[in-house]
């Protein structure tokens, strides 16, 4: 038991998909980061430096993210 009598029910950190807007556990999302050369690269292990953007791990969301371009500019890089 924790403070206030609440029980812990955390499944781990939650992140929000930039395509669908749905929140979910990190395990169901793929993280992408901006590499040193300005390219968007998948960070499968979640260890690359920098702020990541998350996309749901389903084909439709990945295709929509690719069609949008997932450009670095809106995600903190000029």
N, C-alpha and C. Protein backbone atom coordinates (compact mmCIF):
# COMPACT_ATOMS: atom_id res chain seq x y z
N UNK A 1 0.82 -1.18 0.00
CA UNK A 1 0.00 0.00 0.00
C UNK A 1 0.87 1.25 0.00
N UNK A 2 0.36 2.28 -0.63
CA UNK A 2 1.08 3.54 -0.68
C UNK A 2 0.32 4.59 0.12
N UNK A 3 0.77 5.81 0.05
CA UNK A 3 0.09 6.89 0.78
C UNK A 3 -1.36 6.99 0.37
N UNK A 4 -2.21 7.24 1.30
CA UNK A 4 -3.62 7.42 1.01
C UNK A 4 -4.36 6.13 0.74
N UNK A 5 -3.71 5.00 0.90
CA UNK A 5 -4.38 3.72 0.70
C UNK A 5 -4.46 3.26 -0.74
N UNK A 6 -3.88 4.01 -1.67
CA UNK A 6 -3.93 3.62 -3.07
C UNK A 6 -2.97 2.45 -3.31
N UNK A 7 -3.34 1.59 -4.22
CA UNK A 7 -2.45 0.50 -4.59
C UNK A 7 -1.73 0.87 -5.88
N UNK A 8 -0.53 0.38 -6.04
CA UNK A 8 0.24 0.68 -7.24
C UNK A 8 -0.23 -0.18 -8.40
N UNK A 9 -0.57 0.47 -9.51
CA UNK A 9 -1.01 -0.25 -10.70
C UNK A 9 -0.27 0.23 -11.93
N UNK A 10 0.98 0.66 -11.76
CA UNK A 10 1.73 1.18 -12.89
C UNK A 10 2.27 0.04 -13.75
N UNK A 11 2.09 0.17 -15.05
CA UNK A 11 2.65 -0.80 -15.98
C UNK A 11 3.96 -0.30 -16.56
N UNK A 12 4.41 0.83 -16.13
CA UNK A 12 5.61 1.45 -16.67
C UNK A 12 5.25 2.82 -17.22
N UNK A 13 6.25 3.53 -17.74
CA UNK A 13 6.00 4.87 -18.25
C UNK A 13 5.09 4.85 -19.47
N UNK A 14 4.24 5.87 -19.56
CA UNK A 14 3.35 6.01 -20.72
C UNK A 14 3.87 7.12 -21.61
N UNK A 15 3.69 6.96 -22.91
CA UNK A 15 4.06 7.97 -23.89
C UNK A 15 2.89 8.16 -24.84
N UNK A 16 2.93 9.26 -25.61
CA UNK A 16 1.84 9.59 -26.52
C UNK A 16 2.33 9.48 -27.96
N UNK A 17 1.57 8.79 -28.79
CA UNK A 17 1.88 8.64 -30.21
C UNK A 17 1.64 9.96 -30.91
N UNK A 18 2.60 10.42 -31.73
CA UNK A 18 2.43 11.69 -32.44
C UNK A 18 1.46 11.58 -33.60
N UNK A 19 1.15 10.36 -34.04
CA UNK A 19 0.24 10.17 -35.17
C UNK A 19 -1.20 10.02 -34.70
N UNK A 20 -1.43 9.10 -33.79
CA UNK A 20 -2.80 8.81 -33.35
C UNK A 20 -3.23 9.65 -32.16
N UNK A 21 -2.27 10.13 -31.37
CA UNK A 21 -2.60 10.89 -30.17
C UNK A 21 -2.96 10.01 -28.99
N UNK A 22 -2.91 8.71 -29.17
CA UNK A 22 -3.25 7.78 -28.09
C UNK A 22 -2.06 7.60 -27.15
N UNK A 23 -2.34 7.55 -25.85
CA UNK A 23 -1.31 7.29 -24.86
C UNK A 23 -1.25 5.80 -24.56
N UNK A 24 -0.06 5.32 -24.29
CA UNK A 24 0.09 3.91 -23.96
C UNK A 24 1.46 3.63 -23.39
N UNK A 25 1.69 2.40 -22.95
CA UNK A 25 3.00 2.06 -22.40
C UNK A 25 4.09 2.12 -23.47
N UNK A 26 5.30 2.42 -23.04
CA UNK A 26 6.42 2.53 -23.98
C UNK A 26 6.60 1.27 -24.80
N UNK A 27 6.25 0.13 -24.24
CA UNK A 27 6.45 -1.14 -24.94
C UNK A 27 5.64 -1.22 -26.22
N UNK A 28 4.55 -0.50 -26.34
CA UNK A 28 3.71 -0.56 -27.53
C UNK A 28 4.01 0.53 -28.54
N UNK A 29 5.09 1.28 -28.32
CA UNK A 29 5.44 2.40 -29.20
C UNK A 29 6.88 2.25 -29.68
N UNK A 30 7.19 2.87 -30.81
CA UNK A 30 8.55 2.90 -31.32
C UNK A 30 9.07 4.32 -31.18
N UNK A 31 10.26 4.46 -30.62
CA UNK A 31 10.85 5.78 -30.40
C UNK A 31 11.73 6.14 -31.59
N UNK A 32 11.61 7.39 -32.03
CA UNK A 32 12.46 7.92 -33.08
C UNK A 32 13.18 9.13 -32.53
N UNK A 33 14.45 9.32 -32.92
CA UNK A 33 15.24 10.48 -32.51
C UNK A 33 15.89 11.11 -33.73
N UNK A 34 16.34 12.35 -33.55
CA UNK A 34 17.04 13.05 -34.61
C UNK A 34 18.53 12.75 -34.46
N UNK A 35 19.11 12.14 -35.48
CA UNK A 35 20.53 11.82 -35.44
C UNK A 35 21.39 13.05 -35.65
N UNK A 36 22.70 12.93 -35.45
CA UNK A 36 23.61 14.07 -35.61
C UNK A 36 23.59 14.67 -37.01
N UNK A 37 23.24 13.87 -38.00
CA UNK A 37 23.20 14.35 -39.38
C UNK A 37 21.83 14.94 -39.75
N UNK A 38 20.90 15.02 -38.79
CA UNK A 38 19.58 15.59 -39.04
C UNK A 38 18.55 14.59 -39.53
N UNK A 39 18.93 13.33 -39.63
CA UNK A 39 18.01 12.29 -40.08
C UNK A 39 17.22 11.74 -38.90
N UNK A 40 15.96 11.37 -39.17
CA UNK A 40 15.14 10.72 -38.14
C UNK A 40 15.45 9.23 -38.18
N UNK A 41 15.88 8.67 -37.03
CA UNK A 41 16.26 7.26 -36.96
C UNK A 41 15.48 6.57 -35.85
N UNK A 42 15.11 5.29 -36.05
CA UNK A 42 14.43 4.57 -34.97
C UNK A 42 15.40 4.23 -33.85
N UNK A 43 14.91 4.35 -32.64
CA UNK A 43 15.71 4.03 -31.46
C UNK A 43 15.06 2.83 -30.77
N UNK A 44 15.36 1.66 -31.27
CA UNK A 44 14.72 0.44 -30.81
C UNK A 44 15.04 0.14 -29.34
N UNK A 45 16.26 0.37 -28.93
CA UNK A 45 16.65 0.09 -27.55
C UNK A 45 16.31 1.23 -26.59
N UNK A 46 15.96 2.39 -27.13
CA UNK A 46 15.60 3.53 -26.29
C UNK A 46 16.78 4.16 -25.57
N UNK A 47 17.96 4.08 -26.16
CA UNK A 47 19.16 4.57 -25.48
C UNK A 47 19.86 5.71 -26.20
N UNK A 48 19.39 6.09 -27.38
CA UNK A 48 20.06 7.17 -28.10
C UNK A 48 19.81 8.50 -27.39
N UNK A 49 20.77 9.42 -27.45
CA UNK A 49 20.60 10.70 -26.78
C UNK A 49 19.58 11.58 -27.50
N UNK A 50 19.01 12.50 -26.77
CA UNK A 50 18.08 13.45 -27.35
C UNK A 50 16.64 13.12 -27.01
N UNK A 51 15.77 14.07 -27.32
CA UNK A 51 14.35 13.87 -27.08
C UNK A 51 13.79 13.00 -28.17
N UNK A 52 12.99 12.05 -27.80
CA UNK A 52 12.41 11.14 -28.77
C UNK A 52 10.98 11.51 -29.10
N UNK A 53 10.54 11.04 -30.25
CA UNK A 53 9.13 11.11 -30.63
C UNK A 53 8.66 9.67 -30.75
N UNK A 54 7.43 9.43 -30.37
CA UNK A 54 6.92 8.06 -30.31
C UNK A 54 5.80 7.86 -31.32
N UNK A 55 5.81 6.69 -31.96
CA UNK A 55 4.79 6.30 -32.92
C UNK A 55 4.30 4.91 -32.54
N UNK A 56 2.99 4.71 -32.62
CA UNK A 56 2.41 3.40 -32.31
C UNK A 56 3.05 2.34 -33.19
N UNK A 57 3.23 1.16 -32.64
CA UNK A 57 3.89 0.07 -33.35
C UNK A 57 2.90 -0.71 -34.21
N UNK A 58 2.13 -0.01 -35.03
CA UNK A 58 1.28 -0.71 -35.99
C UNK A 58 1.52 -0.11 -37.38
N UNK A 59 1.28 -0.90 -38.38
CA UNK A 59 1.63 -0.53 -39.75
C UNK A 59 0.98 0.78 -40.20
N UNK A 60 -0.31 0.97 -39.90
CA UNK A 60 -1.02 2.17 -40.35
C UNK A 60 -0.40 3.44 -39.75
N UNK A 61 -0.07 3.41 -38.47
CA UNK A 61 0.53 4.59 -37.82
C UNK A 61 1.92 4.87 -38.38
N UNK A 62 2.71 3.82 -38.61
CA UNK A 62 4.05 4.01 -39.16
C UNK A 62 4.00 4.56 -40.58
N UNK A 63 3.06 4.08 -41.39
CA UNK A 63 2.93 4.58 -42.75
C UNK A 63 2.50 6.04 -42.76
N UNK A 64 1.58 6.39 -41.86
CA UNK A 64 1.12 7.78 -41.79
C UNK A 64 2.25 8.69 -41.31
N UNK A 65 3.06 8.23 -40.36
CA UNK A 65 4.20 9.01 -39.89
C UNK A 65 5.21 9.21 -41.02
N UNK A 66 5.45 8.18 -41.81
CA UNK A 66 6.38 8.29 -42.94
C UNK A 66 5.83 9.24 -44.00
N UNK A 67 4.52 9.20 -44.23
CA UNK A 67 3.91 10.10 -45.21
C UNK A 67 4.00 11.55 -44.75
N UNK A 68 3.87 11.78 -43.44
CA UNK A 68 4.01 13.12 -42.89
C UNK A 68 5.45 13.60 -42.99
N UNK A 69 6.36 12.68 -43.01
CA UNK A 69 7.78 13.02 -43.09
C UNK A 69 8.48 13.03 -41.76
N UNK A 70 7.77 13.15 -40.66
CA UNK A 70 8.39 13.22 -39.33
C UNK A 70 9.63 14.10 -39.37
N UNK A 71 9.50 15.29 -39.95
CA UNK A 71 10.66 16.16 -40.11
C UNK A 71 11.18 16.63 -38.78
N UNK A 72 12.46 16.88 -38.68
CA UNK A 72 13.06 17.29 -37.42
C UNK A 72 12.63 18.66 -36.95
N UNK A 73 12.26 19.57 -37.84
CA UNK A 73 11.96 20.95 -37.47
C UNK A 73 10.88 21.07 -36.39
N UNK A 74 9.75 20.40 -36.49
CA UNK A 74 8.75 20.58 -35.44
C UNK A 74 9.12 19.93 -34.11
N UNK A 75 10.19 19.19 -34.07
CA UNK A 75 10.53 18.44 -32.86
C UNK A 75 11.79 18.97 -32.19
N UNK A 76 12.02 20.27 -32.32
CA UNK A 76 13.10 20.88 -31.55
C UNK A 76 14.38 21.14 -32.31
N UNK A 77 14.45 20.84 -33.57
CA UNK A 77 15.64 21.12 -34.36
C UNK A 77 15.27 22.06 -35.50
N UNK A 78 16.09 23.06 -35.78
CA UNK A 78 15.82 23.97 -36.91
C UNK A 78 16.08 23.32 -38.24
